[in-house]
PDB file of N, CA and C in Angstrom:
ATOM      1  N   MET A   1       0.995  -1.511  -0.049  1.00  0.00           N
ATOM      2  CA  MET A   1       0.358  -0.231   0.048  1.00  0.00           C
ATOM      3  C   MET A   1       1.304   0.774  -0.172  1.00  0.00           C
ATOM      4  N   GLY A   2       0.261   2.056  -0.931  1.00  0.00           N
ATOM      5  CA  GLY A   2       1.418   4.141  -1.026  1.00  0.00           C
ATOM      6  C   GLY A   2       1.493   4.334   0.806  1.00  0.00           C
ATOM      7  N   GLN A   3       2.380   5.239  -0.012  1.00  0.00           N
ATOM      8  CA  GLN A   3       2.363   5.740   1.300  1.00  0.00           C
ATOM      9  C   GLN A   3       2.740   8.282   0.976  1.00  0.00           C
ATOM     10  N   PHE A   4       1.739   8.774   1.318  1.00  0.00           N
ATOM     11  CA  PHE A   4       1.898   9.721   1.709  1.00  0.00           C
ATOM     12  C   PHE A   4       2.635  10.555   2.446  1.00  0.00           C
ATOM     13  N   VAL A   5       3.404  11.556   1.946  1.00  0.00           N
ATOM     14  CA  VAL A   5       4.075  12.137   2.716  1.00  0.00           C
ATOM     15  C   VAL A   5       4.486  13.882   2.040  1.00  0.00           C
ATOM     16  N   ILE A   6       4.950  13.999   2.840  1.00  0.00           N
ATOM     17  CA  ILE A   6       4.956  15.323   2.750  1.00  0.00           C
ATOM     18  C   ILE A   6       6.595  16.528   3.691  1.00  0.00           C
ATOM     19  N   ALA A   7       7.055  16.207   2.071  1.00  0.00           N
ATOM     20  CA  ALA A   7       8.781  17.208   2.402  1.00  0.00           C
ATOM     21  C   ALA A   7       9.284  17.745   2.839  1.00  0.00           C
ATOM     22  N   CYS A   8      10.136  18.743   3.531  1.00  0.00           N
ATOM     23  CA  CYS A   8       9.948  20.110   3.923  1.00  0.00           C
ATOM     24  C   CYS A   8      11.692  20.386   3.578  1.00  0.00           C
ATOM     25  N   TYR A   9      11.254  21.109   2.168  1.00  0.00           N
ATOM     26  CA  TYR A   9      12.975  21.226   2.184  1.00  0.00           C
ATOM     27  C   TYR A   9      13.558  23.205   2.104  1.00  0.00           C
ATOM     28  N   LYS A  10      13.806  23.885   3.505  1.00  0.00           N
ATOM     29  CA  LYS A  10      14.199  24.984   3.326  1.00  0.00           C
ATOM     30  C   LYS A  10      15.741  25.180   3.114  1.00  0.00           C
ATOM     31  N   PRO A  11      16.296  26.093   2.062  1.00  0.00           N
ATOM     32  CA  PRO A  11      16.927  26.255   1.062  1.00  0.00           C
ATOM     33  C   PRO A  11      17.601  26.921   1.662  1.00  0.00           C
ATOM     34  N   LYS A  12      19.134  26.586   1.597  1.00  0.00           N
ATOM     35  CA  LYS A  12      20.380  27.298   1.931  1.00  0.00           C
ATOM     36  C   LYS A  12      20.109  28.497   0.967  1.00  0.00           C
ATOM     37  N   PRO A  13      21.283  29.578   1.563  1.00  0.00           N
ATOM     38  CA  PRO A  13      21.073  31.025   1.090  1.00  0.00           C
ATOM     39  C   PRO A  13      21.771  30.549   0.377  1.00  0.00           C
ATOM     40  N   GLY A  14      21.283  31.256  -1.282  1.00  0.00           N
ATOM     41  CA  GLY A  14      21.335  31.089  -2.508  1.00  0.00           C
ATOM     42  C   GLY A  14      21.662  30.263  -3.386  1.00  0.00           C
ATOM     43  N   LYS A  15      20.918  28.974  -2.416  1.00  0.00           N
ATOM     44  CA  LYS A  15      20.348  27.288  -3.575  1.00  0.00           C
ATOM     45  C   LYS A  15      19.198  27.762  -3.705  1.00  0.00           C
ATOM     46  N   GLU A  16      18.354  28.675  -4.008  1.00  0.00           N
ATOM     47  CA  GLU A  16      16.688  27.781  -3.965  1.00  0.00           C
ATOM     48  C   GLU A  16      17.028  27.510  -5.433  1.00  0.00           C
ATOM     49  N   ALA A  17      17.343  28.184  -6.538  1.00  0.00           N
ATOM     50  CA  ALA A  17      17.694  27.640  -8.021  1.00  0.00           C
ATOM     51  C   ALA A  17      17.986  25.812  -7.916  1.00  0.00           C
ATOM     52  N   GLY A  18      19.032  26.114  -6.967  1.00  0.00           N
ATOM     53  CA  GLY A  18      19.823  24.712  -7.203  1.00  0.00           C
ATOM     54  C   GLY A  18      18.954  23.386  -7.114  1.00  0.00           C
ATOM     55  N   LEU A  19      18.127  24.184  -5.294  1.00  0.00           N
ATOM     56  CA  LEU A  19      17.006  22.925  -4.696  1.00  0.00           C
ATOM     57  C   LEU A  19      15.816  22.381  -6.056  1.00  0.00           C
ATOM     58  N   LEU A  20      15.060  23.586  -6.280  1.00  0.00           N
ATOM     59  CA  LEU A  20      13.837  23.841  -7.005  1.00  0.00           C
ATOM     60  C   LEU A  20      14.740  22.073  -8.216  1.00  0.00           C
ATOM     61  N   GLN A  21      15.835  22.023  -9.217  1.00  0.00           N
ATOM     62  CA  GLN A  21      16.393  21.131  -9.942  1.00  0.00           C
ATOM     63  C   GLN A  21      15.754  19.866  -8.834  1.00  0.00           C
ATOM     64  N   VAL A  22      17.452  20.119  -8.033  1.00  0.00           N
ATOM     65  CA  VAL A  22      17.086  17.996  -7.170  1.00  0.00           C
ATOM     66  C   VAL A  22      15.668  18.478  -6.900  1.00  0.00           C
ATOM     67  N   VAL A  23      14.886  19.050  -6.838  1.00  0.00           N
ATOM     68  CA  VAL A  23      12.927  18.737  -6.065  1.00  0.00           C
ATOM     69  C   VAL A  23      12.126  18.393  -8.058  1.00  0.00           C
ATOM     70  N   LYS A  24      12.958  18.335  -8.861  1.00  0.00           N
ATOM     71  CA  LYS A  24      12.445  18.498 -10.127  1.00  0.00           C
ATOM     72  C   LYS A  24      12.669  17.107 -10.724  1.00  0.00           C
ATOM     73  N   GLU A  25      13.930  16.349 -10.368  1.00  0.00           N
ATOM     74  CA  GLU A  25      14.662  15.144 -10.581  1.00  0.00           C
ATOM     75  C   GLU A  25      14.018  14.007  -9.992  1.00  0.00           C
ATOM     76  N   HIS A  26      13.770  14.850  -8.531  1.00  0.00           N
ATOM     77  CA  HIS A  26      13.387  13.749  -7.209  1.00  0.00           C
ATOM     78  C   HIS A  26      12.412  12.583  -7.651  1.00  0.00           C
ATOM     79  N   LEU A  27      11.423  12.785  -8.218  1.00  0.00           N
ATOM     80  CA  LEU A  27      10.363  11.854  -8.105  1.00  0.00           C
ATOM     81  C   LEU A  27      11.008  10.947  -9.510  1.00  0.00           C
ATOM     82  N   PRO A  28      10.724  11.759 -10.623  1.00  0.00           N
ATOM     83  CA  PRO A  28      11.554  10.413 -11.396  1.00  0.00           C
ATOM     84  C   PRO A  28      12.573   9.833 -11.185  1.00  0.00           C
ATOM     85  N   ILE A  29      13.624   9.751 -10.701  1.00  0.00           N
ATOM     86  CA  ILE A  29      14.864   9.176 -10.145  1.00  0.00           C
ATOM     87  C   ILE A  29      14.034   7.599  -8.779  1.00  0.00           C
ATOM     88  N   LEU A  30      13.441   8.307  -7.766  1.00  0.00           N
ATOM     89  CA  LEU A  30      12.738   7.311  -7.642  1.00  0.00           C
ATOM     90  C   LEU A  30      11.405   6.386  -8.429  1.00  0.00           C
ATOM     91  N   ARG A  31      10.423   6.344  -9.190  1.00  0.00           N
ATOM     92  CA  ARG A  31      10.777   5.671  -9.904  1.00  0.00           C
ATOM     93  C   ARG A  31      11.086   5.006 -10.901  1.00  0.00           C
ATOM     94  N   GLN A  32      12.182   5.757 -11.322  1.00  0.00           N
ATOM     95  CA  GLN A  32      12.544   5.016 -12.055  1.00  0.00           C
ATOM     96  C   GLN A  32      13.117   3.853 -11.532  1.00  0.00           C
ATOM     97  N   GLU A  33      13.084   3.929 -10.470  1.00  0.00           N
ATOM     98  CA  GLU A  33      13.933   3.203  -8.858  1.00  0.00           C
ATOM     99  C   GLU A  33      12.379   1.416  -8.401  1.00  0.00           C
ATOM    100  N   LYS A  34      11.609   2.567  -9.236  1.00  0.00           N
ATOM    101  CA  LYS A  34      10.253   1.694  -8.477  1.00  0.00           C
ATOM    102  C   LYS A  34      10.352   1.802  -7.220  1.00  0.00           C
ATOM    103  N   LEU A  35      10.105   3.092  -6.566  1.00  0.00           N
ATOM    104  CA  LEU A  35       9.842   3.207  -5.232  1.00  0.00           C
ATOM    105  C   LEU A  35       8.758   4.193  -4.942  1.00  0.00           C
ATOM    106  N   ALA A  36       8.660   4.729  -6.337  1.00  0.00           N
ATOM    107  CA  ALA A  36       6.334   6.167  -5.737  1.00  0.00           C
ATOM    108  C   ALA A  36       6.719   5.458  -7.064  1.00  0.00           C
ATOM    109  N   THR A  37       5.364   5.911  -6.148  1.00  0.00           N
ATOM    110  CA  THR A  37       4.284   5.879  -6.802  1.00  0.00           C
ATOM    111  C   THR A  37       3.798   7.163  -8.840  1.00  0.00           C
ATOM    112  N   SER A  38       3.194   6.683  -9.188  1.00  0.00           N
ATOM    113  CA  SER A  38       2.930   7.568 -10.666  1.00  0.00           C
ATOM    114  C   SER A  38       1.780   8.575 -10.149  1.00  0.00           C
ATOM    115  N   ARG A  39       0.894   8.466  -8.507  1.00  0.00           N
ATOM    116  CA  ARG A  39       0.888   9.672  -9.090  1.00  0.00           C
ATOM    117  C   ARG A  39       1.694  10.675  -9.062  1.00  0.00           C
ATOM    118  N   PRO A  40       0.214  11.945  -9.138  1.00  0.00           N
ATOM    119  CA  PRO A  40       0.954  13.670  -9.169  1.00  0.00           C
ATOM    120  C   PRO A  40       0.919  14.215  -8.319  1.00  0.00           C
ATOM    121  N   SER A  41       2.606  14.544  -7.970  1.00  0.00           N
ATOM    122  CA  SER A  41       3.468  14.636  -6.761  1.00  0.00           C
ATOM    123  C   SER A  41       2.435  16.448  -6.875  1.00  0.00           C
ATOM    124  N   HIS A  42       3.076  17.191  -5.279  1.00  0.00           N
ATOM    125  CA  HIS A  42       2.592  18.684  -5.898  1.00  0.00           C
ATOM    126  C   HIS A  42       3.165  19.563  -5.251  1.00  0.00           C
ATOM    127  N   THR A  43       3.836  20.476  -5.196  1.00  0.00           N
ATOM    128  CA  THR A  43       5.276  21.073  -5.028  1.00  0.00           C
ATOM    129  C   THR A  43       5.060  22.594  -4.710  1.00  0.00           C
ATOM    130  N   MET A  44       5.597  22.948  -3.605  1.00  0.00           N
ATOM    131  CA  MET A  44       4.784  24.336  -3.203  1.00  0.00           C
ATOM    132  C   MET A  44       5.594  25.402  -2.877  1.00  0.00           C
ATOM    133  N   ARG A  45       5.202  26.494  -1.719  1.00  0.00           N
ATOM    134  CA  ARG A  45       6.684  27.541  -1.035  1.00  0.00           C
ATOM    135  C   ARG A  45       5.871  28.326   0.296  1.00  0.00           C
ATOM    136  N   GLY A  46       6.411  27.789   1.083  1.00  0.00           N
ATOM    137  CA  GLY A  46       5.976  29.215   3.074  1.00  0.00           C
ATOM    138  C   GLY A  46       6.178  30.355   2.618  1.00  0.00           C
ATOM    139  N   LYS A  47       5.498  31.000   3.517  1.00  0.00           N
ATOM    140  CA  LYS A  47       5.909  32.067   3.593  1.00  0.00           C
ATOM    141  C   LYS A  47       7.196  32.469   4.139  1.00  0.00           C
ATOM    142  N   ASP A  48       8.295  31.002   4.904  1.00  0.00           N
ATOM    143  CA  ASP A  48       9.480  31.754   5.162  1.00  0.00           C
ATOM    144  C   ASP A  48      10.510  30.691   3.447  1.00  0.00           C
ATOM    145  N   GLY A  49       9.642  30.333   2.815  1.00  0.00           N
ATOM    146  CA  GLY A  49      10.835  30.581   1.588  1.00  0.00           C
ATOM    147  C   GLY A  49      10.595  28.776   1.352  1.00  0.00           C
ATOM    148  N   THR A  50      10.445  27.554   2.330  1.00  0.00           N
ATOM    149  CA  THR A  50      11.174  26.492   3.000  1.00  0.00           C
ATOM    150  C   THR A  50       9.353  25.954   1.084  1.00  0.00           C
ATOM    151  N   ILE A  51      10.529  24.416   0.594  1.00  0.00           N
ATOM    152  CA  ILE A  51       9.277  23.984  -0.193  1.00  0.00           C
ATOM    153  C   ILE A  51       9.204  22.786   0.219  1.00  0.00           C
ATOM    154  N   ILE A  52       7.639  22.771   0.355  1.00  0.00           N
ATOM    155  CA  ILE A  52       6.751  21.755   0.518  1.00  0.00           C
ATOM    156  C   ILE A  52       6.296  20.457  -1.053  1.00  0.00           C
ATOM    157  N   GLU A  53       7.230  19.168  -0.792  1.00  0.00           N
ATOM    158  CA  GLU A  53       6.417  18.484  -1.670  1.00  0.00           C
ATOM    159  C   GLU A  53       6.279  17.268  -0.906  1.00  0.00           C
ATOM    160  N   VAL A  54       4.730  16.304  -1.666  1.00  0.00           N
ATOM    161  CA  VAL A  54       3.731  15.839  -1.349  1.00  0.00           C
ATOM    162  C   VAL A  54       3.797  14.535  -2.007  1.00  0.00           C
ATOM    163  N   PHE A  55       4.510  13.462  -2.160  1.00  0.00           N
ATOM    164  CA  PHE A  55       4.490  12.284  -3.055  1.00  0.00           C
ATOM    165  C   PHE A  55       4.342  11.267  -2.399  1.00  0.00           C
ATOM    166  N   GLU A  56       3.809  10.547  -3.397  1.00  0.00           N
ATOM    167  CA  GLU A  56       3.573   8.813  -2.812  1.00  0.00           C
ATOM    168  C   GLU A  56       4.515   8.019  -3.072  1.00  0.00           C
ATOM    169  N   TRP A  57       4.328   6.985  -2.272  1.00  0.00           N
ATOM    170  CA  TRP A  57       5.569   6.509  -1.951  1.00  0.00           C
ATOM    171  C   TRP A  57       4.903   5.351  -2.270  1.00  0.00           C
ATOM    172  N   GLU A  58       5.901   3.751  -3.031  1.00  0.00           N
ATOM    173  CA  GLU A  58       5.124   2.716  -3.035  1.00  0.00           C
ATOM    174  C   GLU A  58       4.831   1.792  -2.424  1.00  0.00           C
ATOM    175  N   SER A  59       5.005   1.979  -0.820  1.00  0.00           N
ATOM    176  CA  SER A  59       5.137   1.156  -0.113  1.00  0.00           C
ATOM    177  C   SER A  59       5.782   1.440   1.311  1.00  0.00           C
ATOM    178  N   ALA A  60       6.191   0.957   2.788  1.00  0.00           N
ATOM    179  CA  ALA A  60       6.905   1.188   3.960  1.00  0.00           C
ATOM    180  C   ALA A  60       8.455   0.441   3.358  1.00  0.00           C
ATOM    181  N   GLU A  61       8.085  -0.628   2.150  1.00  0.00           N
ATOM    182  CA  GLU A  61       8.879  -1.388   2.109  1.00  0.00           C
ATOM    183  C   GLU A  61       9.787  -0.817   1.422  1.00  0.00           C
ATOM    184  N   ALA A  62       9.583  -0.045   0.411  1.00  0.00           N
ATOM    185  CA  ALA A  62      10.003   1.186  -0.696  1.00  0.00           C
ATOM    186  C   ALA A  62      10.567   2.073  -0.148  1.00  0.00           C
ATOM    187  N   ILE A  63      10.334   2.850   1.358  1.00  0.00           N
ATOM    188  CA  ILE A  63      10.624   3.175   1.999  1.00  0.00           C
ATOM    189  C   ILE A  63      12.593   2.798   1.900  1.00  0.00           C
ATOM    190  N   ALA A  64      12.097   2.188   3.204  1.00  0.00           N
ATOM    191  CA  ALA A  64      13.345   1.575   3.196  1.00  0.00           C
ATOM    192  C   ALA A  64      14.395   0.979   2.727  1.00  0.00           C
ATOM    193  N   ALA A  65      13.466   0.224   1.417  1.00  0.00           N
ATOM    194  CA  ALA A  65      14.540   0.089   0.085  1.00  0.00           C
ATOM    195  C   ALA A  65      15.949   1.314   0.161  1.00  0.00           C
ATOM    196  N   ALA A  66      15.265   1.998   0.014  1.00  0.00           N
ATOM    197  CA  ALA A  66      15.373   3.475  -0.415  1.00  0.00           C
ATOM    198  C   ALA A  66      17.335   3.858  -0.740  1.00  0.00           C
ATOM    199  N   HIS A  67      16.280   3.258   1.329  1.00  0.00           N
ATOM    200  CA  HIS A  67      17.558   3.788   2.229  1.00  0.00           C
ATOM    201  C   HIS A  67      19.077   2.917   1.889  1.00  0.00           C
ATOM    202  N   LYS A  68      18.752   1.944   1.096  1.00  0.00           N
ATOM    203  CA  LYS A  68      19.978   1.112   0.914  1.00  0.00           C
ATOM    204  C   LYS A  68      20.686   1.435  -1.197  1.00  0.00           C
ATOM    205  N   ASN A  69      19.427   2.502  -1.444  1.00  0.00           N
ATOM    206  CA  ASN A  69      19.612   2.844  -3.367  1.00  0.00           C
ATOM    207  C   ASN A  69      20.770   3.533  -3.209  1.00  0.00           C
ATOM    208  N   PRO A  70      21.226   3.363  -4.447  1.00  0.00           N
ATOM    209  CA  PRO A  70      22.582   4.179  -4.607  1.00  0.00           C
ATOM    210  C   PRO A  70      21.868   5.972  -5.778  1.00  0.00           C
ATOM    211  N   ASN A  71      22.003   5.138  -6.819  1.00  0.00           N
ATOM    212  CA  ASN A  71      20.958   6.244  -7.300  1.00  0.00           C
ATOM    213  C   ASN A  71      20.627   7.106  -6.085  1.00  0.00           C
ATOM    214  N   VAL A  72      19.285   6.686  -5.250  1.00  0.00           N
ATOM    215  CA  VAL A  72      18.458   8.000  -4.599  1.00  0.00           C
ATOM    216  C   VAL A  72      19.817   8.242  -3.281  1.00  0.00           C
ATOM    217  N   ILE A  73      20.452   7.608  -2.330  1.00  0.00           N
ATOM    218  CA  ILE A  73      21.729   7.685  -2.156  1.00  0.00           C
ATOM    219  C   ILE A  73      22.176   9.176  -2.525  1.00  0.00           C
ATOM    220  N   ALA A  74      22.368   9.315  -3.906  1.00  0.00           N
ATOM    221  CA  ALA A  74      23.322  10.662  -4.092  1.00  0.00           C
ATOM    222  C   ALA A  74      22.561  11.705  -4.283  1.00  0.00           C
ATOM    223  N   MET A  75      21.115  10.943  -4.546  1.00  0.00           N
ATOM    224  CA  MET A  75      20.585  12.000  -5.289  1.00  0.00           C
ATOM    225  C   MET A  75      20.118  12.673  -3.924  1.00  0.00           C
ATOM    226  N   TRP A  76      19.636  11.914  -2.382  1.00  0.00           N
ATOM    227  CA  TRP A  76      20.187  12.838  -0.889  1.00  0.00           C
ATOM    228  C   TRP A  76      21.236  13.698  -0.932  1.00  0.00           C
ATOM    229  N   ASN A  77      22.111  13.051  -0.947  1.00  0.00           N
ATOM    230  CA  ASN A  77      23.499  14.327  -0.909  1.00  0.00           C
ATOM    231  C   ASN A  77      23.697  15.656  -1.713  1.00  0.00           C
ATOM    232  N   ARG A  78      22.605  15.785  -2.873  1.00  0.00           N
ATOM    233  CA  ARG A  78      22.573  16.969  -3.445  1.00  0.00           C
ATOM    234  C   ARG A  78      21.612  17.551  -2.651  1.00  0.00           C
ATOM    235  N   PHE A  79      20.424  17.037  -2.444  1.00  0.00           N
ATOM    236  CA  PHE A  79      18.873  17.236  -1.215  1.00  0.00           C
ATOM    237  C   PHE A  79      19.890  18.113  -0.350  1.00  0.00           C
ATOM    238  N   ASN A  80      21.120  17.840   0.585  1.00  0.00           N
ATOM    239  CA  ASN A  80      22.201  18.018   1.296  1.00  0.00           C
ATOM    240  C   ASN A  80      22.809  19.023   1.050  1.00  0.00           C
ATOM    241  N   ASP A  81      23.112  19.435  -0.563  1.00  0.00           N
ATOM    242  CA  ASP A  81      23.826  20.697  -0.493  1.00  0.00           C
ATOM    243  C   ASP A  81      23.421  22.360  -0.269  1.00  0.00           C
ATOM    244  N   VAL A  82      21.726  21.689  -0.337  1.00  0.00           N
ATOM    245  CA  VAL A  82      21.250  22.033  -1.338  1.00  0.00           C
ATOM    246  C   VAL A  82      20.092  23.485   0.281  1.00  0.00           C
ATOM    247  N   CYS A  83      19.439  22.302   0.730  1.00  0.00           N
ATOM    248  CA  CYS A  83      18.888  22.779   1.349  1.00  0.00           C
ATOM    249  C   CYS A  83      18.849  22.350   3.154  1.00  0.00           C
ATOM    250  N   ASP A  84      18.429  21.838   3.261  1.00  0.00           N
ATOM    251  CA  ASP A  84      18.029  21.780   5.710  1.00  0.00           C
ATOM    252  C   ASP A  84      16.921  21.049   5.284  1.00  0.00           C
ATOM    253  N   ILE A  85      16.654  20.037   5.904  1.00  0.00           N
ATOM    254  CA  ILE A  85      15.503  19.325   5.443  1.00  0.00           C
ATOM    255  C   ILE A  85      14.968  19.084   7.234  1.00  0.00           C
ATOM    256  N   VAL A  86      13.230  19.949   6.834  1.00  0.00           N
ATOM    257  CA  VAL A  86      12.803  21.407   7.609  1.00  0.00           C
ATOM    258  C   VAL A  86      11.188  19.564   8.323  1.00  0.00           C
ATOM    259  N   LYS A  87      10.773  19.719   9.816  1.00  0.00           N
ATOM    260  CA  LYS A  87       9.581  19.441   9.907  1.00  0.00           C
ATOM    261  C   LYS A  87       8.061  20.510   9.440  1.00  0.00           C
ATOM    262  N   LEU A  88       7.298  19.865   9.004  1.00  0.00           N
ATOM    263  CA  LEU A  88       6.403  20.303   9.168  1.00  0.00           C
ATOM    264  C   LEU A  88       5.743  21.625   9.635  1.00  0.00           C
ATOM    265  N   VAL A  89       5.530  20.277  10.839  1.00  0.00           N
ATOM    266  CA  VAL A  89       4.812  21.516  12.419  1.00  0.00           C
ATOM    267  C   VAL A  89       5.599  22.696  12.847  1.00  0.00           C
ATOM    268  N   ASP A  90       7.097  22.733  11.390  1.00  0.00           N
ATOM    269  CA  ASP A  90       7.808  24.334  12.345  1.00  0.00           C
ATOM    270  C   ASP A  90       7.362  25.249  11.065  1.00  0.00           C
ATOM    271  N   LEU A  91       6.448  25.043  10.260  1.00  0.00           N
ATOM    272  CA  LEU A  91       6.308  26.507   9.269  1.00  0.00           C
ATOM    273  C   LEU A  91       4.940  27.263   9.890  1.00  0.00           C
ATOM    274  N   PRO A  92       5.296  27.830   9.549  1.00  0.00           N
ATOM    275  CA  PRO A  92       4.671  29.251  10.077  1.00  0.00           C
ATOM    276  C   PRO A  92       3.313  29.011   9.501  1.00  0.00           C
ATOM    277  N   GLU A  93       3.150  28.186   8.395  1.00  0.00           N
ATOM    278  CA  GLU A  93       1.129  27.544   8.565  1.00  0.00           C
ATOM    279  C   GLU A  93       1.550  26.876   8.617  1.00  0.00           C
ATOM    280  N   SER A  94       1.971  25.954   9.980  1.00  0.00           N
ATOM    281  CA  SER A  94       1.148  25.030   9.906  1.00  0.00           C
ATOM    282  C   SER A  94       0.256  25.233  11.025  1.00  0.00           C
ATOM    283  N   LYS A  95       0.523  26.620  11.926  1.00  0.00           N
ATOM    284  CA  LYS A  95      -0.436  26.420  13.322  1.00  0.00           C
ATOM    285  C   LYS A  95      -1.835  27.788  13.139  1.00  0.00           C
ATOM    286  N   ASP A  96      -1.991  27.631  11.610  1.00  0.00           N
ATOM    287  CA  ASP A  96      -2.783  27.811  10.256  1.00  0.00           C
ATOM    288  C   ASP A  96      -3.606  26.968  10.610  1.00  0.00           C
ATOM    289  N   MET A  97      -5.504  26.764  11.137  1.00  0.00           N
ATOM    290  CA  MET A  97      -6.556  26.388  10.947  1.00  0.00           C
ATOM    291  C   MET A  97      -6.989  25.257   8.985  1.00  0.00           C
ATOM    292  N   PHE A  98      -5.983  25.603   7.813  1.00  0.00           N
ATOM    293  CA  PHE A  98      -6.372  26.092   6.521  1.00  0.00           C
ATOM    294  C   PHE A  98      -5.162  26.347   6.172  1.00  0.00           C
ATOM    295  N   ALA A  99      -4.056  25.639   6.289  1.00  0.00           N
ATOM    296  CA  ALA A  99      -2.289  25.920   5.967  1.00  0.00           C
ATOM    297  C   ALA A  99      -2.620  25.995   4.087  1.00  0.00           C
ATOM    298  N   GLY A 100      -1.929  27.376   4.145  1.00  0.00           N
ATOM    299  CA  GLY A 100      -1.748  28.133   2.716  1.00  0.00           C
ATOM    300  C   GLY A 100      -1.143  28.103   2.277  1.00  0.00           C
ATOM    301  N   PHE A 101      -0.328  28.029   0.845  1.00  0.00           N
ATOM    302  CA  PHE A 101       0.831  27.382   0.737  1.00  0.00           C
ATOM    303  C   PHE A 101       0.849  28.433  -0.994  1.00  0.00           C
ATOM    304  N   GLU A 102       2.073  28.732  -1.805  1.00  0.00           N
ATOM    305  CA  GLU A 102       2.082  28.842  -3.132  1.00  0.00           C
ATOM    306  C   GLU A 102       2.179  28.069  -3.697  1.00  0.00           C
ATOM    307  N   PRO A 103       1.716  27.791  -4.899  1.00  0.00           N
ATOM    308  CA  PRO A 103       2.225  26.447  -6.029  1.00  0.00           C
ATOM    309  C   PRO A 103       3.597  26.682  -6.768  1.00  0.00           C
ATOM    310  N   ILE A 104       4.266  25.580  -6.888  1.00  0.00           N
ATOM    311  CA  ILE A 104       5.218  25.891  -7.507  1.00  0.00           C
ATOM    312  C   ILE A 104       5.275  24.322  -9.290  1.00  0.00           C
ATOM    313  N   GLU A 105       5.446  25.186  -9.774  1.00  0.00           N
ATOM    314  CA  GLU A 105       5.060  24.444 -11.519  1.00  0.00           C
ATOM    315  C   GLU A 105       6.429  24.134 -11.511  1.00  0.00           C
ATOM    316  N   LEU A 106       7.329  22.752 -11.854  1.00  0.00           N
ATOM    317  CA  LEU A 106       8.628  22.321 -12.209  1.00  0.00           C
ATOM    318  C   LEU A 106       9.204  22.501 -13.363  1.00  0.00           C
TER     319      LEU A 106
END
């Protein structure tokens, strides 16, 4: 069974363009490795510039397999170069009854 996730990427100073490029390539890599579903993802920006990505993993097993997959690990290292991963609860919008974000087209 699939599992939706909400990933929050806070760009490092001057690295937003690089972060958007990695986010654009993220899902195609996971799909190529048969780790993410073909469901459309959604990408948006928070008030503080954090990029939020919502997508669906194939399964809990796929998430575990990603942690051993060299192609995924290489991509995650690229994320580490351009952003810090933050918790959804740390975004200002998480305190709103209906959190709203700016849509991003990749």
